Structures are given as structure tokens and as C-alpha cells.
Amino acid sequence: MKCYDCLQEARRDTDGIGICSRCNLFVCADHALVIRHLLHQPNGLGRATSRVPARRLVCTVCRTAETSATSGDYAGTRQN
């Protein structure tokens, strides 16, 4: 399969490496980020967070959207 973002840039020779966990589009190594995140599970009074972080593949577009939503940057305007 070919990378969706590369196809949008008229680059048709780039093979994808995986599927974005947010938008489910196939992306290549140039347009993908592997994010580490901790798994949280209710466990009574015991440990609720995994000792080993999980991996999550996201495309650069979705990662930008995730990080801009937490920084207060909405619709291209920054709130002060």
C-alpha cells in the first residue's frame, strides 16, 4: 500500500509502514510518528499503570491536531 500523504504530494513511489491510530490512513516513515503512552487500567487498590509503555502510530497531521488541541491553539488562533 502507498502512503496517503505522499499521494497528496504527488509522490507515488513511497510504501506505507502502518495505519494511523486516529484517522486509519496508511502512512510512510516520513509521515508517521511512533508515540509512547502509558496504559491505565482500573485495578482496585493495586497498580493502575502498566510498567511498560505501549506504542501508538499516528500520522503527522493527527499528531499536530492532538498537540494543538491541548495547547489552546484552535482554528489557527492562539488564546492568550
N, C-alpha and C. Protein backbone atom coordinates (compact mmCIF):
# COMPACT_ATOMS: atom_id res chain seq x y z
N MET A 1 0.84 -1.18 0.00
CA MET A 1 0.00 0.00 0.00
C MET A 1 0.88 1.24 0.00
N LYS A 2 0.37 2.29 -0.53
CA LYS A 2 1.10 3.55 -0.64
C LYS A 2 0.65 4.53 0.43
N CYS A 3 1.54 5.43 0.80
CA CYS A 3 1.26 6.45 1.82
C CYS A 3 0.25 7.47 1.30
N TYR A 4 -0.79 7.72 2.07
CA TYR A 4 -1.82 8.68 1.67
C TYR A 4 -1.25 10.09 1.54
N ASP A 5 -0.46 10.53 2.50
CA ASP A 5 0.08 11.89 2.46
C ASP A 5 1.03 12.07 1.28
N CYS A 6 1.81 11.05 0.95
CA CYS A 6 2.70 11.14 -0.21
C CYS A 6 1.90 11.22 -1.51
N LEU A 7 0.80 10.50 -1.57
CA LEU A 7 -0.06 10.59 -2.76
C LEU A 7 -0.63 11.99 -2.92
N GLN A 8 -0.95 12.66 -1.82
CA GLN A 8 -1.46 14.02 -1.86
C GLN A 8 -0.37 14.99 -2.35
N GLU A 9 0.89 14.63 -2.11
CA GLU A 9 2.02 15.46 -2.54
C GLU A 9 2.54 15.03 -3.92
N ALA A 10 1.80 14.18 -4.63
CA ALA A 10 2.14 13.67 -5.96
C ALA A 10 3.41 12.82 -5.96
N ARG A 11 3.73 12.21 -4.82
CA ARG A 11 4.84 11.25 -4.72
C ARG A 11 4.21 9.86 -4.67
N ARG A 12 4.29 9.13 -5.72
CA ARG A 12 3.59 7.85 -5.82
C ARG A 12 4.48 6.64 -5.56
N ASP A 13 5.73 6.84 -5.18
CA ASP A 13 6.65 5.72 -5.02
C ASP A 13 6.92 5.31 -3.58
N THR A 14 6.22 5.90 -2.62
CA THR A 14 6.51 5.67 -1.20
C THR A 14 5.59 4.60 -0.62
N ASP A 15 6.18 3.52 -0.14
CA ASP A 15 5.40 2.47 0.52
C ASP A 15 5.07 2.88 1.95
N GLY A 16 3.89 2.51 2.39
CA GLY A 16 3.47 2.80 3.75
C GLY A 16 4.05 1.79 4.73
N ILE A 17 4.13 2.19 6.00
CA ILE A 17 4.65 1.29 7.04
C ILE A 17 3.58 0.88 8.04
N GLY A 18 2.46 1.63 8.09
CA GLY A 18 1.43 1.30 9.05
C GLY A 18 0.21 2.19 8.93
N ILE A 19 -0.76 1.97 9.80
CA ILE A 19 -2.02 2.69 9.78
C ILE A 19 -2.08 3.63 10.97
N CYS A 20 -2.44 4.88 10.72
CA CYS A 20 -2.60 5.87 11.79
C CYS A 20 -3.71 5.42 12.74
N SER A 21 -3.46 5.47 14.03
CA SER A 21 -4.45 5.03 15.01
C SER A 21 -5.61 6.00 15.17
N ARG A 22 -5.50 7.21 14.61
CA ARG A 22 -6.58 8.20 14.68
C ARG A 22 -7.46 8.21 13.43
N CYS A 23 -6.84 8.41 12.26
CA CYS A 23 -7.62 8.58 11.02
C CYS A 23 -7.67 7.31 10.18
N ASN A 24 -6.89 6.29 10.55
CA ASN A 24 -6.87 4.99 9.87
C ASN A 24 -6.37 5.05 8.43
N LEU A 25 -5.57 6.05 8.09
CA LEU A 25 -4.96 6.12 6.77
C LEU A 25 -3.58 5.49 6.81
N PHE A 26 -3.15 4.91 5.70
CA PHE A 26 -1.84 4.27 5.60
C PHE A 26 -0.79 5.35 5.41
N VAL A 27 0.30 5.30 6.19
CA VAL A 27 1.34 6.33 6.12
C VAL A 27 2.73 5.70 6.04
N CYS A 28 3.68 6.47 5.49
CA CYS A 28 5.07 6.03 5.35
C CYS A 28 5.88 6.48 6.58
N ALA A 29 7.15 6.13 6.58
CA ALA A 29 8.03 6.50 7.69
C ALA A 29 8.22 8.02 7.79
N ASP A 30 8.14 8.73 6.67
CA ASP A 30 8.30 10.19 6.70
C ASP A 30 7.09 10.89 7.32
N HIS A 31 5.91 10.30 7.20
CA HIS A 31 4.68 10.93 7.68
C HIS A 31 4.12 10.26 8.94
N ALA A 32 4.88 9.38 9.55
CA ALA A 32 4.39 8.66 10.74
C ALA A 32 5.26 8.97 11.95
N LEU A 33 4.63 8.94 13.10
CA LEU A 33 5.33 9.08 14.38
C LEU A 33 4.89 7.94 15.28
N VAL A 34 5.85 7.33 15.96
CA VAL A 34 5.52 6.30 16.93
C VAL A 34 5.57 6.97 18.30
N ILE A 35 4.43 7.02 18.95
CA ILE A 35 4.27 7.71 20.23
C ILE A 35 4.19 6.66 21.34
N ARG A 36 4.94 6.87 22.40
CA ARG A 36 4.85 6.00 23.58
C ARG A 36 3.80 6.58 24.51
N HIS A 37 2.95 5.72 25.04
CA HIS A 37 1.99 6.20 26.04
C HIS A 37 1.71 5.10 27.05
N LEU A 38 1.40 5.53 28.25
CA LEU A 38 1.15 4.60 29.34
C LEU A 38 -0.28 4.10 29.31
N LEU A 39 -0.44 2.83 29.56
CA LEU A 39 -1.78 2.24 29.62
C LEU A 39 -2.28 2.32 31.06
N HIS A 40 -3.47 2.83 31.22
CA HIS A 40 -4.08 2.94 32.54
C HIS A 40 -5.28 2.01 32.60
N GLN A 41 -5.30 1.15 33.62
CA GLN A 41 -6.40 0.21 33.79
C GLN A 41 -6.83 0.21 35.25
N PRO A 42 -8.13 0.28 35.49
CA PRO A 42 -8.61 0.20 36.87
C PRO A 42 -8.20 -1.15 37.47
N ASN A 43 -7.60 -1.09 38.65
CA ASN A 43 -7.08 -2.32 39.25
C ASN A 43 -7.28 -2.30 40.76
N GLY A 44 -8.39 -1.78 41.22
CA GLY A 44 -8.64 -1.73 42.66
C GLY A 44 -7.63 -0.85 43.36
N LEU A 45 -6.99 -1.36 44.38
CA LEU A 45 -6.02 -0.59 45.14
C LEU A 45 -4.59 -0.81 44.62
N GLY A 46 -4.42 -1.70 43.64
CA GLY A 46 -3.09 -2.01 43.12
C GLY A 46 -2.63 -1.05 42.04
N ARG A 47 -1.62 -1.47 41.30
CA ARG A 47 -1.02 -0.67 40.23
C ARG A 47 -2.03 -0.49 39.10
N ALA A 48 -2.27 0.74 38.69
CA ALA A 48 -3.23 1.03 37.63
C ALA A 48 -2.55 1.41 36.32
N THR A 49 -1.23 1.56 36.32
CA THR A 49 -0.49 1.95 35.12
C THR A 49 0.49 0.85 34.77
N SER A 50 0.54 0.51 33.49
CA SER A 50 1.46 -0.51 33.02
C SER A 50 2.90 -0.06 33.23
N ARG A 51 3.78 -0.98 33.55
CA ARG A 51 5.19 -0.64 33.74
C ARG A 51 5.88 -0.37 32.41
N VAL A 52 5.36 -0.96 31.35
CA VAL A 52 5.95 -0.82 30.02
C VAL A 52 5.04 0.04 29.16
N PRO A 53 5.54 1.14 28.60
CA PRO A 53 4.69 1.97 27.75
C PRO A 53 4.35 1.27 26.45
N ALA A 54 3.15 1.50 25.96
CA ALA A 54 2.71 0.95 24.69
C ALA A 54 3.14 1.87 23.55
N ARG A 55 3.07 1.36 22.34
CA ARG A 55 3.38 2.17 21.17
C ARG A 55 2.09 2.46 20.41
N ARG A 56 2.04 3.65 19.80
CA ARG A 56 0.89 4.06 19.01
C ARG A 56 1.41 4.81 17.80
N LEU A 57 1.00 4.38 16.61
CA LEU A 57 1.42 5.03 15.38
C LEU A 57 0.39 6.09 15.00
N VAL A 58 0.84 7.32 14.78
CA VAL A 58 -0.04 8.39 14.31
C VAL A 58 0.64 9.12 13.16
N CYS A 59 -0.19 9.66 12.26
CA CYS A 59 0.37 10.45 11.17
C CYS A 59 0.69 11.86 11.69
N THR A 60 1.47 12.58 10.93
CA THR A 60 1.88 13.92 11.37
C THR A 60 0.70 14.88 11.47
N VAL A 61 -0.30 14.70 10.61
CA VAL A 61 -1.49 15.57 10.66
C VAL A 61 -2.26 15.34 11.95
N CYS A 62 -2.49 14.09 12.30
CA CYS A 62 -3.23 13.79 13.54
C CYS A 62 -2.44 14.19 14.77
N ARG A 63 -1.13 14.02 14.75
CA ARG A 63 -0.30 14.42 15.90
C ARG A 63 -0.34 15.93 16.09
N THR A 64 -0.31 16.68 15.00
CA THR A 64 -0.43 18.13 15.09
C THR A 64 -1.78 18.52 15.68
N ALA A 65 -2.83 17.84 15.26
CA ALA A 65 -4.16 18.12 15.80
C ALA A 65 -4.24 17.77 17.29
N GLU A 66 -3.64 16.66 17.69
CA GLU A 66 -3.65 16.27 19.11
C GLU A 66 -2.91 17.27 19.97
N THR A 67 -1.75 17.70 19.54
CA THR A 67 -0.95 18.59 20.37
C THR A 67 -1.46 20.02 20.33
N SER A 68 -2.09 20.45 19.24
CA SER A 68 -2.63 21.82 19.19
C SER A 68 -3.88 21.93 20.04
N ALA A 69 -4.64 20.83 20.18
CA ALA A 69 -5.85 20.87 20.99
C ALA A 69 -5.52 21.04 22.47
N THR A 70 -4.37 20.55 22.90
CA THR A 70 -4.00 20.67 24.30
C THR A 70 -3.27 21.97 24.60
N SER A 71 -2.79 22.65 23.55
CA SER A 71 -2.03 23.87 23.79
C SER A 71 -2.88 25.14 23.69
N GLY A 72 -4.17 24.99 23.35
CA GLY A 72 -5.03 26.16 23.26
C GLY A 72 -5.03 26.81 21.90
N ASP A 73 -4.48 26.16 20.89
CA ASP A 73 -4.43 26.70 19.54
C ASP A 73 -5.61 26.13 18.74
N TYR A 74 -6.68 26.91 18.62
CA TYR A 74 -7.88 26.45 17.95
C TYR A 74 -8.13 27.29 16.70
N ALA A 75 -8.44 26.61 15.61
CA ALA A 75 -8.81 27.26 14.33
C ALA A 75 -7.78 28.30 13.91
N GLY A 76 -6.51 28.02 14.16
CA GLY A 76 -5.47 28.92 13.70
C GLY A 76 -5.25 30.14 14.58
N THR A 77 -5.98 30.28 15.66
CA THR A 77 -5.78 31.43 16.55
C THR A 77 -5.33 30.93 17.91
N ARG A 78 -4.39 31.58 18.47
CA ARG A 78 -3.86 31.20 19.78
C ARG A 78 -4.53 32.04 20.86
N GLN A 79 -5.01 31.34 21.88
CA GLN A 79 -5.63 32.05 23.01
C GLN A 79 -4.56 32.42 24.01
N ASN A 80 -4.56 33.65 24.48
CA ASN A 80 -3.58 34.10 25.47
C ASN A 80 -4.17 34.19 26.84
